[in-house]
Amino acid sequence: MNTLNEINEAWNRADRDKLAAFLSVIPGLGHLYKHNYLAGFGILILGNLFVAFVTAWLALATFGLALVIVPAVYICGVAACAYSVEDRHGKHELLHPWRVNTK
């Protein structure tokens, strides 16, 4: 039981910005982790499809070099954005109905 408490404490101390950047290895997951749902789903679906299309198109012109460079630059850009975007964890009242609003 002590190990479970240690894991929970470590999770609470984790830097959410760095974890969001790490999750952006799959672009969009870092934004979803920080509760930016519109940007997260947009990047996860539309952004990744667009980058796949552009990469495939440019791969013909660059003898395959675009297969490495374009996704790497895209992932780094999305990770940097996920690191710097506002963390909205706990700020969505509709997702936390158990909280009593005492205003």
PDB file of N, CA and C in Angstrom:
ATOM      1  N   MET A   1       0.820  -1.192   0.000  1.00  0.00           N
ATOM      2  CA  MET A   1       0.000   0.000   0.000  1.00  0.00           C
ATOM      3  C   MET A   1       0.863   1.254   0.000  1.00  0.00           C
ATOM      4  N   ASN A   2       2.028   1.183   0.602  1.00  0.00           N
ATOM      5  CA  ASN A   2       2.929   2.315   0.672  1.00  0.00           C
ATOM      6  C   ASN A   2       3.401   2.715  -0.725  1.00  0.00           C
ATOM      7  N   THR A   3       3.637   1.721  -1.578  1.00  0.00           N
ATOM      8  CA  THR A   3       4.085   1.996  -2.941  1.00  0.00           C
ATOM      9  C   THR A   3       3.028   2.775  -3.710  1.00  0.00           C
ATOM     10  N   LEU A   4       1.772   2.436  -3.490  1.00  0.00           N
ATOM     11  CA  LEU A   4       0.688   3.140  -4.174  1.00  0.00           C
ATOM     12  C   LEU A   4       0.630   4.607  -3.752  1.00  0.00           C
ATOM     13  N   ASN A   5       0.871   4.879  -2.494  1.00  0.00           N
ATOM     14  CA  ASN A   5       0.902   6.267  -2.021  1.00  0.00           C
ATOM     15  C   ASN A   5       2.072   7.025  -2.631  1.00  0.00           C
ATOM     16  N   GLU A   6       3.225   6.365  -2.762  1.00  0.00           N
ATOM     17  CA  GLU A   6       4.387   7.001  -3.375  1.00  0.00           C
ATOM     18  C   GLU A   6       4.129   7.339  -4.829  1.00  0.00           C
ATOM     19  N   ILE A   7       3.476   6.431  -5.550  1.00  0.00           N
ATOM     20  CA  ILE A   7       3.144   6.674  -6.953  1.00  0.00           C
ATOM     21  C   ILE A   7       2.181   7.848  -7.071  1.00  0.00           C
ATOM     22  N   ASN A   8       1.195   7.903  -6.193  1.00  0.00           N
ATOM     23  CA  ASN A   8       0.218   8.991  -6.215  1.00  0.00           C
ATOM     24  C   ASN A   8       0.885  10.327  -5.911  1.00  0.00           C
ATOM     25  N   GLU A   9       1.800  10.357  -4.956  1.00  0.00           N
ATOM     26  CA  GLU A   9       2.507  11.592  -4.628  1.00  0.00           C
ATOM     27  C   GLU A   9       3.404  12.043  -5.774  1.00  0.00           C
ATOM     28  N   ALA A  10       4.070  11.099  -6.417  1.00  0.00           N
ATOM     29  CA  ALA A  10       4.924  11.435  -7.562  1.00  0.00           C
ATOM     30  C   ALA A  10       4.086  11.974  -8.711  1.00  0.00           C
ATOM     31  N   TRP A  11       2.923  11.401  -8.929  1.00  0.00           N
ATOM     32  CA  TRP A  11       2.045  11.868  -9.998  1.00  0.00           C
ATOM     33  C   TRP A  11       1.567  13.286  -9.725  1.00  0.00           C
ATOM     34  N   ASN A  12       1.281  13.593  -8.468  1.00  0.00           N
ATOM     35  CA  ASN A  12       0.830  14.943  -8.113  1.00  0.00           C
ATOM     36  C   ASN A  12       1.950  15.969  -8.226  1.00  0.00           C
ATOM     37  N   ARG A  13       3.216  15.555  -8.057  1.00  0.00           N
ATOM     38  CA  ARG A  13       4.343  16.464  -8.171  1.00  0.00           C
ATOM     39  C   ARG A  13       4.826  16.613  -9.613  1.00  0.00           C
ATOM     40  N   ALA A  14       4.328  15.804 -10.510  1.00  0.00           N
ATOM     41  CA  ALA A  14       4.811  15.819 -11.892  1.00  0.00           C
ATOM     42  C   ALA A  14       4.555  17.181 -12.540  1.00  0.00           C
ATOM     43  N   ASP A  15       5.491  17.600 -13.346  1.00  0.00           N
ATOM     44  CA  ASP A  15       5.368  18.849 -14.077  1.00  0.00           C
ATOM     45  C   ASP A  15       4.447  18.614 -15.276  1.00  0.00           C
ATOM     46  N   ARG A  16       3.262  19.176 -15.232  1.00  0.00           N
ATOM     47  CA  ARG A  16       2.264  18.925 -16.269  1.00  0.00           C
ATOM     48  C   ARG A  16       2.709  19.472 -17.631  1.00  0.00           C
ATOM     49  N   ASP A  17       3.514  20.530 -17.651  1.00  0.00           N
ATOM     50  CA  ASP A  17       3.997  21.078 -18.917  1.00  0.00           C
ATOM     51  C   ASP A  17       4.946  20.107 -19.604  1.00  0.00           C
ATOM     52  N   LYS A  18       5.888  19.559 -18.846  1.00  0.00           N
ATOM     53  CA  LYS A  18       6.837  18.604 -19.426  1.00  0.00           C
ATOM     54  C   LYS A  18       6.146  17.316 -19.845  1.00  0.00           C
ATOM     55  N   LEU A  19       5.177  16.874 -19.050  1.00  0.00           N
ATOM     56  CA  LEU A  19       4.446  15.662 -19.400  1.00  0.00           C
ATOM     57  C   LEU A  19       3.619  15.868 -20.665  1.00  0.00           C
ATOM     58  N   ALA A  20       3.034  17.049 -20.838  1.00  0.00           N
ATOM     59  CA  ALA A  20       2.276  17.355 -22.052  1.00  0.00           C
ATOM     60  C   ALA A  20       3.189  17.378 -23.268  1.00  0.00           C
ATOM     61  N   ALA A  21       4.390  17.934 -23.116  1.00  0.00           N
ATOM     62  CA  ALA A  21       5.349  17.929 -24.226  1.00  0.00           C
ATOM     63  C   ALA A  21       5.762  16.509 -24.574  1.00  0.00           C
ATOM     64  N   PHE A  22       5.960  15.672 -23.570  1.00  0.00           N
ATOM     65  CA  PHE A  22       6.325  14.275 -23.813  1.00  0.00           C
ATOM     66  C   PHE A  22       5.194  13.514 -24.498  1.00  0.00           C
ATOM     67  N   LEU A  23       3.956  13.759 -24.093  1.00  0.00           N
ATOM     68  CA  LEU A  23       2.814  13.083 -24.708  1.00  0.00           C
ATOM     69  C   LEU A  23       2.607  13.501 -26.155  1.00  0.00           C
ATOM     70  N   SER A  24       3.187  14.623 -26.537  1.00  0.00           N
ATOM     71  CA  SER A  24       3.036  15.102 -27.907  1.00  0.00           C
ATOM     72  C   SER A  24       3.877  14.329 -28.897  1.00  0.00           C
ATOM     73  N   VAL A  25       4.490  13.225 -28.471  1.00  0.00           N
ATOM     74  CA  VAL A  25       5.103  12.300 -29.425  1.00  0.00           C
ATOM     75  C   VAL A  25       4.012  11.846 -30.392  1.00  0.00           C
ATOM     76  N   ILE A  26       2.801  11.716 -29.880  1.00  0.00           N
ATOM     77  CA  ILE A  26       1.616  11.561 -30.726  1.00  0.00           C
ATOM     78  C   ILE A  26       0.941  12.925 -30.691  1.00  0.00           C
ATOM     79  N   PRO A  27       1.119  13.742 -31.733  1.00  0.00           N
ATOM     80  CA  PRO A  27       0.640  15.121 -31.701  1.00  0.00           C
ATOM     81  C   PRO A  27      -0.856  15.220 -31.378  1.00  0.00           C
ATOM     82  N   GLY A  28      -1.160  16.023 -30.403  1.00  0.00           N
ATOM     83  CA  GLY A  28      -2.531  16.241 -29.964  1.00  0.00           C
ATOM     84  C   GLY A  28      -2.777  15.719 -28.558  1.00  0.00           C
ATOM     85  N   LEU A  29      -2.033  14.694 -28.132  1.00  0.00           N
ATOM     86  CA  LEU A  29      -2.267  14.130 -26.805  1.00  0.00           C
ATOM     87  C   LEU A  29      -1.848  15.083 -25.690  1.00  0.00           C
ATOM     88  N   GLY A  30      -0.831  15.869 -25.906  1.00  0.00           N
ATOM     89  CA  GLY A  30      -0.416  16.835 -24.894  1.00  0.00           C
ATOM     90  C   GLY A  30      -1.474  17.897 -24.666  1.00  0.00           C
ATOM     91  N   HIS A  31      -2.103  18.350 -25.743  1.00  0.00           N
ATOM     92  CA  HIS A  31      -3.182  19.333 -25.614  1.00  0.00           C
ATOM     93  C   HIS A  31      -4.381  18.711 -24.899  1.00  0.00           C
ATOM     94  N   LEU A  32      -4.692  17.460 -25.212  1.00  0.00           N
ATOM     95  CA  LEU A  32      -5.791  16.792 -24.527  1.00  0.00           C
ATOM     96  C   LEU A  32      -5.482  16.610 -23.045  1.00  0.00           C
ATOM     97  N   TYR A  33      -4.233  16.308 -22.720  1.00  0.00           N
ATOM     98  CA  TYR A  33      -3.829  16.141 -21.326  1.00  0.00           C
ATOM     99  C   TYR A  33      -4.001  17.439 -20.535  1.00  0.00           C
ATOM    100  N   LYS A  34      -3.760  18.571 -21.180  1.00  0.00           N
ATOM    101  CA  LYS A  34      -3.914  19.861 -20.508  1.00  0.00           C
ATOM    102  C   LYS A  34      -5.321  20.431 -20.681  1.00  0.00           C
ATOM    103  N   HIS A  35      -6.255  19.595 -21.123  1.00  0.00           N
ATOM    104  CA  HIS A  35      -7.682  19.918 -21.235  1.00  0.00           C
ATOM    105  C   HIS A  35      -7.980  21.015 -22.242  1.00  0.00           C
ATOM    106  N   ASN A  36      -7.204  21.085 -23.302  1.00  0.00           N
ATOM    107  CA  ASN A  36      -7.507  21.962 -24.431  1.00  0.00           C
ATOM    108  C   ASN A  36      -8.095  21.063 -25.523  1.00  0.00           C
ATOM    109  N   TYR A  37      -9.374  20.758 -25.380  1.00  0.00           N
ATOM    110  CA  TYR A  37      -9.989  19.709 -26.177  1.00  0.00           C
ATOM    111  C   TYR A  37     -10.113  20.053 -27.647  1.00  0.00           C
ATOM    112  N   LEU A  38     -10.507  21.264 -27.972  1.00  0.00           N
ATOM    113  CA  LEU A  38     -10.687  21.631 -29.377  1.00  0.00           C
ATOM    114  C   LEU A  38      -9.357  21.564 -30.125  1.00  0.00           C
ATOM    115  N   ALA A  39      -8.327  22.149 -29.563  1.00  0.00           N
ATOM    116  CA  ALA A  39      -7.006  22.098 -30.195  1.00  0.00           C
ATOM    117  C   ALA A  39      -6.477  20.670 -30.231  1.00  0.00           C
ATOM    118  N   GLY A  40      -6.681  19.924 -29.167  1.00  0.00           N
ATOM    119  CA  GLY A  40      -6.181  18.561 -29.096  1.00  0.00           C
ATOM    120  C   GLY A  40      -6.786  17.651 -30.148  1.00  0.00           C
ATOM    121  N   PHE A  41      -8.112  17.668 -30.252  1.00  0.00           N
ATOM    122  CA  PHE A  41      -8.766  16.821 -31.256  1.00  0.00           C
ATOM    123  C   PHE A  41      -8.497  17.326 -32.668  1.00  0.00           C
ATOM    124  N   GLY A  42      -8.392  18.635 -32.822  1.00  0.00           N
ATOM    125  CA  GLY A  42      -8.067  19.176 -34.143  1.00  0.00           C
ATOM    126  C   GLY A  42      -6.699  18.742 -34.617  1.00  0.00           C
ATOM    127  N   ILE A  43      -5.708  18.820 -33.730  1.00  0.00           N
ATOM    128  CA  ILE A  43      -4.361  18.381 -34.087  1.00  0.00           C
ATOM    129  C   ILE A  43      -4.332  16.873 -34.284  1.00  0.00           C
ATOM    130  N   LEU A  44      -4.988  16.143 -33.392  1.00  0.00           N
ATOM    131  CA  LEU A  44      -4.968  14.686 -33.440  1.00  0.00           C
ATOM    132  C   LEU A  44      -5.579  14.146 -34.725  1.00  0.00           C
ATOM    133  N   ILE A  45      -6.607  14.785 -35.221  1.00  0.00           N
ATOM    134  CA  ILE A  45      -7.285  14.266 -36.418  1.00  0.00           C
ATOM    135  C   ILE A  45      -6.853  15.042 -37.663  1.00  0.00           C
ATOM    136  N   LEU A  46      -7.198  16.310 -37.725  1.00  0.00           N
ATOM    137  CA  LEU A  46      -6.944  17.080 -38.948  1.00  0.00           C
ATOM    138  C   LEU A  46      -5.465  17.392 -39.159  1.00  0.00           C
ATOM    139  N   GLY A  47      -4.784  17.792 -38.100  1.00  0.00           N
ATOM    140  CA  GLY A  47      -3.373  18.140 -38.228  1.00  0.00           C
ATOM    141  C   GLY A  47      -2.515  16.966 -38.660  1.00  0.00           C
ATOM    142  N   ASN A  48      -2.736  15.816 -38.059  1.00  0.00           N
ATOM    143  CA  ASN A  48      -1.942  14.645 -38.415  1.00  0.00           C
ATOM    144  C   ASN A  48      -2.249  14.163 -39.831  1.00  0.00           C
ATOM    145  N   LEU A  49      -3.506  14.239 -40.241  1.00  0.00           N
ATOM    146  CA  LEU A  49      -3.844  13.858 -41.625  1.00  0.00           C
ATOM    147  C   LEU A  49      -3.200  14.808 -42.624  1.00  0.00           C
ATOM    148  N   PHE A  50      -3.230  16.096 -42.315  1.00  0.00           N
ATOM    149  CA  PHE A  50      -2.629  17.074 -43.209  1.00  0.00           C
ATOM    150  C   PHE A  50      -1.117  16.873 -43.320  1.00  0.00           C
ATOM    151  N   VAL A  51      -0.458  16.636 -42.191  1.00  0.00           N
ATOM    152  CA  VAL A  51       0.991  16.419 -42.222  1.00  0.00           C
ATOM    153  C   VAL A  51       1.326  15.127 -42.960  1.00  0.00           C
ATOM    154  N   ALA A  52       0.523  14.106 -42.810  1.00  0.00           N
ATOM    155  CA  ALA A  52       0.757  12.860 -43.557  1.00  0.00           C
ATOM    156  C   ALA A  52       0.638  13.106 -45.058  1.00  0.00           C
ATOM    157  N   PHE A  53      -0.351  13.894 -45.457  1.00  0.00           N
ATOM    158  CA  PHE A  53      -0.527  14.211 -46.875  1.00  0.00           C
ATOM    159  C   PHE A  53       0.643  15.021 -47.414  1.00  0.00           C
ATOM    160  N   VAL A  54       1.045  16.061 -46.697  1.00  0.00           N
ATOM    161  CA  VAL A  54       2.154  16.914 -47.136  1.00  0.00           C
ATOM    162  C   VAL A  54       3.453  16.115 -47.172  1.00  0.00           C
ATOM    163  N   THR A  55       3.665  15.267 -46.180  1.00  0.00           N
ATOM    164  CA  THR A  55       4.878  14.451 -46.139  1.00  0.00           C
ATOM    165  C   THR A  55       4.937  13.503 -47.327  1.00  0.00           C
ATOM    166  N   ALA A  56       3.822  12.845 -47.618  1.00  0.00           N
ATOM    167  CA  ALA A  56       3.795  11.919 -48.755  1.00  0.00           C
ATOM    168  C   ALA A  56       4.024  12.664 -50.061  1.00  0.00           C
ATOM    169  N   TRP A  57       3.447  13.846 -50.172  1.00  0.00           N
ATOM    170  CA  TRP A  57       3.593  14.633 -51.386  1.00  0.00           C
ATOM    171  C   TRP A  57       5.032  15.115 -51.559  1.00  0.00           C
ATOM    172  N   LEU A  58       5.637  15.602 -50.495  1.00  0.00           N
ATOM    173  CA  LEU A  58       7.012  16.097 -50.560  1.00  0.00           C
ATOM    174  C   LEU A  58       8.044  14.971 -50.652  1.00  0.00           C
ATOM    175  N   ALA A  59       7.694  13.776 -50.223  1.00  0.00           N
ATOM    176  CA  ALA A  59       8.641  12.663 -50.278  1.00  0.00           C
ATOM    177  C   ALA A  59       9.043  12.355 -51.716  1.00  0.00           C
ATOM    178  N   LEU A  60       8.147  12.575 -52.643  1.00  0.00           N
ATOM    179  CA  LEU A  60       8.454  12.331 -54.053  1.00  0.00           C
ATOM    180  C   LEU A  60       9.480  13.333 -54.573  1.00  0.00           C
ATOM    181  N   ALA A  61       9.394  14.555 -54.099  1.00  0.00           N
ATOM    182  CA  ALA A  61      10.283  15.605 -54.598  1.00  0.00           C
ATOM    183  C   ALA A  61      11.631  15.635 -53.876  1.00  0.00           C
ATOM    184  N   THR A  62      11.695  15.048 -52.675  1.00  0.00           N
ATOM    185  CA  THR A  62      12.930  15.131 -51.887  1.00  0.00           C
ATOM    186  C   THR A  62      13.614  13.779 -51.736  1.00  0.00           C
ATOM    187  N   PHE A  63      13.248  12.832 -52.566  1.00  0.00           N
ATOM    188  CA  PHE A  63      13.824  11.488 -52.520  1.00  0.00           C
ATOM    189  C   PHE A  63      13.700  10.847 -51.142  1.00  0.00           C
ATOM    190  N   GLY A  64      12.594  11.080 -50.475  1.00  0.00           N
ATOM    191  CA  GLY A  64      12.303  10.472 -49.182  1.00  0.00           C
ATOM    192  C   GLY A  64      12.794  11.244 -47.975  1.00  0.00           C
ATOM    193  N   LEU A  65      13.541  12.292 -48.161  1.00  0.00           N
ATOM    194  CA  LEU A  65      14.055  13.058 -47.027  1.00  0.00           C
ATOM    195  C   LEU A  65      12.920  13.681 -46.208  1.00  0.00           C
ATOM    196  N   ALA A  66      11.837  14.027 -46.862  1.00  0.00           N
ATOM    197  CA  ALA A  66      10.699  14.632 -46.166  1.00  0.00           C
ATOM    198  C   ALA A  66      10.020  13.645 -45.223  1.00  0.00           C
ATOM    199  N   LEU A  67      10.251  12.347 -45.427  1.00  0.00           N
ATOM    200  CA  LEU A  67       9.646  11.348 -44.543  1.00  0.00           C
ATOM    201  C   LEU A  67      10.196  11.443 -43.117  1.00  0.00           C
ATOM    202  N   VAL A  68      11.348  12.036 -42.961  1.00  0.00           N
ATOM    203  CA  VAL A  68      11.951  12.202 -41.644  1.00  0.00           C
ATOM    204  C   VAL A  68      11.814  13.642 -41.157  1.00  0.00           C
ATOM    205  N   ILE A  69      12.130  14.591 -42.016  1.00  0.00           N
ATOM    206  CA  ILE A  69      12.225  15.987 -41.584  1.00  0.00           C
ATOM    207  C   ILE A  69      10.860  16.598 -41.266  1.00  0.00           C
ATOM    208  N   VAL A  70       9.889  16.433 -42.131  1.00  0.00           N
ATOM    209  CA  VAL A  70       8.585  17.074 -41.927  1.00  0.00           C
ATOM    210  C   VAL A  70       7.904  16.573 -40.651  1.00  0.00           C
ATOM    211  N   PRO A  71       7.790  15.256 -40.404  1.00  0.00           N
ATOM    212  CA  PRO A  71       7.176  14.828 -39.139  1.00  0.00           C
ATOM    213  C   PRO A  71       7.973  15.252 -37.902  1.00  0.00           C
ATOM    214  N   ALA A  72       9.310  15.247 -37.991  1.00  0.00           N
ATOM    215  CA  ALA A  72      10.118  15.645 -36.834  1.00  0.00           C
ATOM    216  C   ALA A  72       9.887  17.114 -36.476  1.00  0.00           C
ATOM    217  N   VAL A  73       9.856  17.978 -37.476  1.00  0.00           N
ATOM    218  CA  VAL A  73       9.608  19.398 -37.229  1.00  0.00           C
ATOM    219  C   VAL A  73       8.186  19.611 -36.699  1.00  0.00           C
ATOM    220  N   TYR A  74       7.240  18.885 -37.243  1.00  0.00           N
ATOM    221  CA  TYR A  74       5.842  18.992 -36.805  1.00  0.00           C
ATOM    222  C   TYR A  74       5.693  18.550 -35.350  1.00  0.00           C
ATOM    223  N   ILE A  75       6.293  17.421 -34.994  1.00  0.00           N
ATOM    224  CA  ILE A  75       6.185  16.916 -33.625  1.00  0.00           C
ATOM    225  C   ILE A  75       6.860  17.875 -32.649  1.00  0.00           C
ATOM    226  N   CYS A  76       8.008  18.409 -33.014  1.00  0.00           N
ATOM    227  CA  CYS A  76       8.689  19.377 -32.138  1.00  0.00           C
ATOM    228  C   CYS A  76       7.859  20.645 -31.955  1.00  0.00           C
ATOM    229  N   GLY A  77       7.231  21.110 -33.017  1.00  0.00           N
ATOM    230  CA  GLY A  77       6.388  22.301 -32.926  1.00  0.00           C
ATOM    231  C   GLY A  77       5.163  22.082 -32.066  1.00  0.00           C
ATOM    232  N   VAL A  78       4.518  20.941 -32.227  1.00  0.00           N
ATOM    233  CA  VAL A  78       3.328  20.645 -31.426  1.00  0.00           C
ATOM    234  C   VAL A  78       3.715  20.441 -29.964  1.00  0.00           C
ATOM    235  N   ALA A  79       4.862  19.809 -29.717  1.00  0.00           N
ATOM    236  CA  ALA A  79       5.316  19.606 -28.337  1.00  0.00           C
ATOM    237  C   ALA A  79       5.622  20.940 -27.668  1.00  0.00           C
ATOM    238  N   ALA A  80       6.247  21.858 -28.387  1.00  0.00           N
ATOM    239  CA  ALA A  80       6.535  23.175 -27.825  1.00  0.00           C
ATOM    240  C   ALA A  80       5.242  23.929 -27.524  1.00  0.00           C
ATOM    241  N   CYS A  81       4.270  23.795 -28.390  1.00  0.00           N
ATOM    242  CA  CYS A  81       2.984  24.454 -28.166  1.00  0.00           C
ATOM    243  C   CYS A  81       2.258  23.827 -26.977  1.00  0.00           C
ATOM    244  N   ALA A  82       2.309  22.496 -26.851  1.00  0.00           N
ATOM    245  CA  ALA A  82       1.671  21.822 -25.718  1.00  0.00           C
ATOM    246  C   ALA A  82       2.338  22.214 -24.403  1.00  0.00           C
ATOM    247  N   TYR A  83       3.633  22.442 -24.440  1.00  0.00           N
ATOM    248  CA  TYR A  83       4.360  22.860 -23.240  1.00  0.00           C
ATOM    249  C   TYR A  83       3.918  24.249 -22.787  1.00  0.00           C
ATOM    250  N   SER A  84       3.679  25.137 -23.743  1.00  0.00           N
ATOM    251  CA  SER A  84       3.404  26.528 -23.390  1.00  0.00           C
ATOM    252  C   SER A  84       1.923  26.884 -23.292  1.00  0.00           C
ATOM    253  N   VAL A  85       1.034  26.023 -23.733  1.00  0.00           N
ATOM    254  CA  VAL A  85      -0.393  26.342 -23.705  1.00  0.00           C
ATOM    255  C   VAL A  85      -0.898  26.326 -22.256  1.00  0.00           C
ATOM    256  N   GLU A  86      -1.942  27.098 -21.994  1.00  0.00           N
ATOM    257  CA  GLU A  86      -2.517  27.190 -20.649  1.00  0.00           C
ATOM    258  C   GLU A  86      -3.080  25.839 -20.223  1.00  0.00           C
ATOM    259  N   ASP A  87      -2.825  25.479 -18.991  1.00  0.00           N
ATOM    260  CA  ASP A  87      -3.359  24.237 -18.431  1.00  0.00           C
ATOM    261  C   ASP A  87      -4.755  24.510 -17.883  1.00  0.00           C
ATOM    262  N   ARG A  88      -5.747  23.888 -18.440  1.00  0.00           N
ATOM    263  CA  ARG A  88      -7.132  24.122 -18.029  1.00  0.00           C
ATOM    264  C   ARG A  88      -7.658  23.008 -17.133  1.00  0.00           C
ATOM    265  N   HIS A  89      -6.759  22.252 -16.538  1.00  0.00           N
ATOM    266  CA  HIS A  89      -7.167  21.155 -15.672  1.00  0.00           C
ATOM    267  C   HIS A  89      -7.955  21.689 -14.480  1.00  0.00           C
ATOM    268  N   GLY A  90      -9.156  21.182 -14.305  1.00  0.00           N
ATOM    269  CA  GLY A  90     -10.000  21.597 -13.196  1.00  0.00           C
ATOM    270  C   GLY A  90     -10.797  22.861 -13.437  1.00  0.00           C
ATOM    271  N   LYS A  91     -10.704  23.457 -14.620  1.00  0.00           N
ATOM    272  CA  LYS A  91     -11.408  24.716 -14.890  1.00  0.00           C
ATOM    273  C   LYS A  91     -12.700  24.524 -15.684  1.00  0.00           C
ATOM    274  N   HIS A  92     -13.030  23.290 -16.035  1.00  0.00           N
ATOM    275  CA  HIS A  92     -14.256  23.012 -16.786  1.00  0.00           C
ATOM    276  C   HIS A  92     -15.326  22.563 -15.799  1.00  0.00           C
ATOM    277  N   GLU A  93     -16.268  23.418 -15.536  1.00  0.00           N
ATOM    278  CA  GLU A  93     -17.317  23.109 -14.561  1.00  0.00           C
ATOM    279  C   GLU A  93     -18.211  21.962 -15.025  1.00  0.00           C
ATOM    280  N   LEU A  94     -18.439  21.864 -16.325  1.00  0.00           N
ATOM    281  CA  LEU A  94     -19.309  20.799 -16.824  1.00  0.00           C
ATOM    282  C   LEU A  94     -18.669  19.420 -16.657  1.00  0.00           C
ATOM    283  N   LEU A  95     -17.352  19.358 -16.633  1.00  0.00           N
ATOM    284  CA  LEU A  95     -16.666  18.079 -16.479  1.00  0.00           C
ATOM    285  C   LEU A  95     -16.458  17.699 -15.014  1.00  0.00           C
ATOM    286  N   HIS A  96     -16.787  18.603 -14.104  1.00  0.00           N
ATOM    287  CA  HIS A  96     -16.627  18.350 -12.677  1.00  0.00           C
ATOM    288  C   HIS A  96     -17.944  18.636 -11.955  1.00  0.00           C
ATOM    289  N   PRO A  97     -19.004  17.848 -12.212  1.00  0.00           N
ATOM    290  CA  PRO A  97     -20.316  18.159 -11.625  1.00  0.00           C
ATOM    291  C   PRO A  97     -20.379  17.910 -10.127  1.00  0.00           C
ATOM    292  N   TRP A  98     -19.423  17.180  -9.550  1.00  0.00           N
ATOM    293  CA  TRP A  98     -19.450  16.901  -8.130  1.00  0.00           C
ATOM    294  C   TRP A  98     -19.011  18.083  -7.291  1.00  0.00           C
ATOM    295  N   ARG A  99     -18.425  19.084  -7.919  1.00  0.00           N
ATOM    296  CA  ARG A  99     -18.012  20.271  -7.187  1.00  0.00           C
ATOM    297  C   ARG A  99     -19.212  21.171  -6.928  1.00  0.00           C
ATOM    298  N   VAL A 100     -19.294  21.670  -5.740  1.00  0.00           N
ATOM    299  CA  VAL A 100     -20.395  22.560  -5.370  1.00  0.00           C
ATOM    300  C   VAL A 100     -19.938  23.991  -5.588  1.00  0.00           C
ATOM    301  N   ASN A 101     -20.688  24.718  -6.383  1.00  0.00           N
ATOM    302  CA  ASN A 101     -20.358  26.115  -6.643  1.00  0.00           C
ATOM    303  C   ASN A 101     -20.961  26.960  -5.534  1.00  0.00           C
ATOM    304  N   THR A 102     -20.099  27.545  -4.711  1.00  0.00           N
ATOM    305  CA  THR A 102     -20.574  28.306  -3.537  1.00  0.00           C
ATOM    306  C   THR A 102     -20.436  29.805  -3.757  1.00  0.00           C
ATOM    307  N   LYS A 103     -20.833  30.278  -4.884  1.00  0.00           N
ATOM    308  CA  LYS A 103     -20.757  31.722  -5.161  1.00  0.00           C
ATOM    309  C   LYS A 103     -22.082  32.377  -4.925  1.00  0.00           C
TER     310      LYS A 103
END
